Amino acid sequence: MTYPTQGPNVPYGTPPGYDPRMARAAQLAESARNWLIICGVGWFVGFMWITGPLAWYQANQFARDFETMGLAPPSEVTNLRLLGIVTTIFVAVGMFIAMAVFAAVLVGVFSFGAFAPR
């Protein structure tokens, strides 16, 4: 009894030309794209105070993973890092301005004498 020889599509084993680094790189690039979407939505929804620093952190993690594999990070990672930095700075400046306005209002209220004993 003779058995037929297996063709090019072997049911078991890795396909020819498969590189696990490239598969991991594709997963990381897709995750970076998803984080870009999350950070962009955070701008419009008002959660940029949390999505900005998280995007910055995730971009640094992705860049480190790409460098560990010996690959250059794709543009999604660079864009995510830039968006995270800009968002974090924007939020920090906004909070500083809000605290300054609040302090000025408090100084104005107390200097006006509204709460002074009569």
C-alpha atoms as a PDB file:
ATOM      1  CA  MET A   1       0.000   0.000   0.000  1.00  0.00           C
ATOM      2  CA  THR A   2       1.429   3.345  -0.978  1.00  0.00           C
ATOM      3  CA  TYR A   3       0.564   6.627   0.637  1.00  0.00           C
ATOM      4  CA  PRO A   4       0.282   9.843  -1.328  1.00  0.00           C
ATOM      5  CA  THR A   5       3.021  12.388  -0.797  1.00  0.00           C
ATOM      6  CA  GLN A   6       2.097  15.548   1.035  1.00  0.00           C
ATOM      7  CA  GLY A   7       1.749  18.639  -1.046  1.00  0.00           C
ATOM      8  CA  PRO A   8       2.953  22.155  -0.275  1.00  0.00           C
ATOM      9  CA  ASN A   9       0.202  22.715   2.311  1.00  0.00           C
ATOM     10  CA  VAL A  10       1.423  20.604   5.175  1.00  0.00           C
ATOM     11  CA  PRO A  11      -1.259  20.489   7.881  1.00  0.00           C
ATOM     12  CA  TYR A  12       1.254  20.602  10.726  1.00  0.00           C
ATOM     13  CA  GLY A  13       4.252  22.779  11.384  1.00  0.00           C
ATOM     14  CA  THR A  14       5.038  26.347  10.609  1.00  0.00           C
ATOM     15  CA  PRO A  15       4.447  27.692   7.135  1.00  0.00           C
ATOM     16  CA  PRO A  16       7.548  28.470   5.121  1.00  0.00           C
ATOM     17  CA  GLY A  17       8.832  32.004   5.520  1.00  0.00           C
ATOM     18  CA  TYR A  18       7.111  32.517   8.862  1.00  0.00           C
ATOM     19  CA  ASP A  19       9.012  34.879  11.165  1.00  0.00           C
ATOM     20  CA  PRO A  20       7.623  35.123  14.711  1.00  0.00           C
ATOM     21  CA  ARG A  21       9.275  38.544  15.150  1.00  0.00           C
ATOM     22  CA  MET A  22       7.264  39.952  12.263  1.00  0.00           C
ATOM     23  CA  ALA A  23       4.054  38.490  13.669  1.00  0.00           C
ATOM     24  CA  ARG A  24       4.795  40.119  17.040  1.00  0.00           C
ATOM     25  CA  ALA A  25       5.699  43.384  15.289  1.00  0.00           C
ATOM     26  CA  ALA A  26       2.346  43.333  13.482  1.00  0.00           C
ATOM     27  CA  GLN A  27       0.545  42.800  16.798  1.00  0.00           C
ATOM     28  CA  LEU A  28       2.429  45.689  18.395  1.00  0.00           C
ATOM     29  CA  ALA A  29       1.713  47.997  15.455  1.00  0.00           C
ATOM     30  CA  GLU A  30      -1.976  47.122  15.657  1.00  0.00           C
ATOM     31  CA  SER A  31      -1.988  47.833  19.399  1.00  0.00           C
ATOM     32  CA  ALA A  32      -0.302  51.194  18.765  1.00  0.00           C
ATOM     33  CA  ARG A  33      -3.007  52.016  16.207  1.00  0.00           C
ATOM     34  CA  ASN A  34      -5.691  51.113  18.724  1.00  0.00           C
ATOM     35  CA  TRP A  35      -4.083  53.354  21.347  1.00  0.00           C
ATOM     36  CA  LEU A  36      -3.975  56.193  18.813  1.00  0.00           C
ATOM     37  CA  ILE A  37      -7.729  55.796  18.372  1.00  0.00           C
ATOM     38  CA  ILE A  38      -8.285  55.658  22.146  1.00  0.00           C
ATOM     39  CA  CYS A  39      -6.234  58.818  22.711  1.00  0.00           C
ATOM     40  CA  GLY A  40      -7.979  60.615  19.854  1.00  0.00           C
ATOM     41  CA  VAL A  41     -11.390  59.698  21.237  1.00  0.00           C
ATOM     42  CA  GLY A  42     -10.192  60.833  24.663  1.00  0.00           C
ATOM     43  CA  TRP A  43      -9.643  64.320  23.243  1.00  0.00           C
ATOM     44  CA  PHE A  44     -13.246  64.598  22.112  1.00  0.00           C
ATOM     45  CA  VAL A  45     -14.869  62.872  25.063  1.00  0.00           C
ATOM     46  CA  GLY A  46     -12.915  64.764  27.699  1.00  0.00           C
ATOM     47  CA  PHE A  47     -10.821  61.942  29.120  1.00  0.00           C
ATOM     48  CA  MET A  48      -7.557  63.305  27.780  1.00  0.00           C
ATOM     49  CA  TRP A  49      -6.279  63.777  31.328  1.00  0.00           C
ATOM     50  CA  ILE A  50      -6.033  59.978  31.594  1.00  0.00           C
ATOM     51  CA  THR A  51      -5.549  58.872  27.970  1.00  0.00           C
ATOM     52  CA  GLY A  52      -2.628  61.253  27.338  1.00  0.00           C
ATOM     53  CA  PRO A  53      -0.221  59.921  29.968  1.00  0.00           C
ATOM     54  CA  LEU A  54      -1.338  56.334  29.283  1.00  0.00           C
ATOM     55  CA  ALA A  55      -0.683  56.790  25.555  1.00  0.00           C
ATOM     56  CA  TRP A  56       2.760  58.214  26.300  1.00  0.00           C
ATOM     57  CA  TYR A  57       3.532  55.261  28.574  1.00  0.00           C
ATOM     58  CA  GLN A  58       2.253  52.694  26.067  1.00  0.00           C
ATOM     59  CA  ALA A  59       4.239  54.282  23.229  1.00  0.00           C
ATOM     60  CA  ASN A  60       7.414  53.959  25.273  1.00  0.00           C
ATOM     61  CA  GLN A  61       6.573  50.300  25.972  1.00  0.00           C
ATOM     62  CA  PHE A  62       5.954  49.634  22.271  1.00  0.00           C
ATOM     63  CA  ALA A  63       9.191  51.385  21.276  1.00  0.00           C
ATOM     64  CA  ARG A  64      11.121  49.317  23.821  1.00  0.00           C
ATOM     65  CA  ASP A  65       9.573  46.100  22.477  1.00  0.00           C
ATOM     66  CA  PHE A  66      10.469  46.998  18.887  1.00  0.00           C
ATOM     67  CA  GLU A  67      14.028  47.880  19.868  1.00  0.00           C
ATOM     68  CA  THR A  68      14.318  44.582  21.770  1.00  0.00           C
ATOM     69  CA  MET A  69      13.372  42.736  18.579  1.00  0.00           C
ATOM     70  CA  GLY A  70      15.938  44.761  16.641  1.00  0.00           C
ATOM     71  CA  LEU A  71      13.345  46.609  14.586  1.00  0.00           C
ATOM     72  CA  ALA A  72      12.682  50.302  14.156  1.00  0.00           C
ATOM     73  CA  PRO A  73       9.359  51.371  15.664  1.00  0.00           C
ATOM     74  CA  PRO A  74       6.725  52.211  13.037  1.00  0.00           C
ATOM     75  CA  SER A  75       5.191  55.644  12.634  1.00  0.00           C
ATOM     76  CA  GLU A  76       2.188  54.667  14.766  1.00  0.00           C
ATOM     77  CA  VAL A  77       4.428  54.391  17.816  1.00  0.00           C
ATOM     78  CA  THR A  78       6.109  57.733  17.119  1.00  0.00           C
ATOM     79  CA  ASN A  79       2.751  59.427  16.538  1.00  0.00           C
ATOM     80  CA  LEU A  80       1.335  57.885  19.706  1.00  0.00           C
ATOM     81  CA  ARG A  81       4.280  59.129  21.759  1.00  0.00           C
ATOM     82  CA  LEU A  82       3.936  62.634  20.299  1.00  0.00           C
ATOM     83  CA  LEU A  83       0.176  62.710  20.915  1.00  0.00           C
ATOM     84  CA  GLY A  84       0.707  61.486  24.482  1.00  0.00           C
ATOM     85  CA  ILE A  85       3.315  64.158  25.200  1.00  0.00           C
ATOM     86  CA  VAL A  86       1.214  66.953  23.689  1.00  0.00           C
ATOM     87  CA  THR A  87      -1.899  65.796  25.536  1.00  0.00           C
ATOM     88  CA  THR A  88      -0.067  65.532  28.864  1.00  0.00           C
ATOM     89  CA  ILE A  89       1.430  69.017  28.497  1.00  0.00           C
ATOM     90  CA  PHE A  90      -1.946  70.441  27.449  1.00  0.00           C
ATOM     91  CA  VAL A  91      -3.652  68.912  30.478  1.00  0.00           C
ATOM     92  CA  ALA A  92      -0.890  70.030  32.870  1.00  0.00           C
ATOM     93  CA  VAL A  93      -1.046  73.633  31.615  1.00  0.00           C
ATOM     94  CA  GLY A  94      -4.851  73.567  31.782  1.00  0.00           C
ATOM     95  CA  MET A  95      -4.796  72.353  35.369  1.00  0.00           C
ATOM     96  CA  PHE A  96      -2.255  75.000  36.299  1.00  0.00           C
ATOM     97  CA  ILE A  97      -4.423  77.728  34.758  1.00  0.00           C
ATOM     98  CA  ALA A  98      -7.522  76.365  36.522  1.00  0.00           C
ATOM     99  CA  MET A  99      -5.713  76.394  39.880  1.00  0.00           C
ATOM    100  CA  ALA A 100      -4.445  79.939  39.257  1.00  0.00           C
ATOM    101  CA  VAL A 101      -7.952  81.165  38.403  1.00  0.00           C
ATOM    102  CA  PHE A 102      -9.363  79.433  41.487  1.00  0.00           C
ATOM    103  CA  ALA A 103      -6.676  81.016  43.676  1.00  0.00           C
ATOM    104  CA  ALA A 104      -7.367  84.456  42.153  1.00  0.00           C
ATOM    105  CA  VAL A 105     -11.080  84.064  42.820  1.00  0.00           C
ATOM    106  CA  LEU A 106     -10.396  83.084  46.422  1.00  0.00           C
ATOM    107  CA  VAL A 107      -8.081  86.057  46.906  1.00  0.00           C
ATOM    108  CA  GLY A 108     -10.693  88.339  45.370  1.00  0.00           C
ATOM    109  CA  VAL A 109     -13.470  86.999  47.560  1.00  0.00           C
ATOM    110  CA  PHE A 110     -11.458  87.297  50.758  1.00  0.00           C
ATOM    111  CA  SER A 111     -10.057  90.733  49.895  1.00  0.00           C
ATOM    112  CA  PHE A 112     -13.496  92.092  49.052  1.00  0.00           C
ATOM    113  CA  GLY A 113     -14.605  91.453  52.549  1.00  0.00           C
ATOM    114  CA  ALA A 114     -17.584  89.268  51.840  1.00  0.00           C
ATOM    115  CA  PHE A 115     -16.547  86.950  54.608  1.00  0.00           C
ATOM    116  CA  ALA A 116     -15.256  89.625  56.984  1.00  0.00           C
ATOM    117  CA  PRO A 117     -16.944  89.753  60.385  1.00  0.00           C
ATOM    118  CA  ARG A 118     -19.292  92.692  60.817  1.00  0.00           C
END
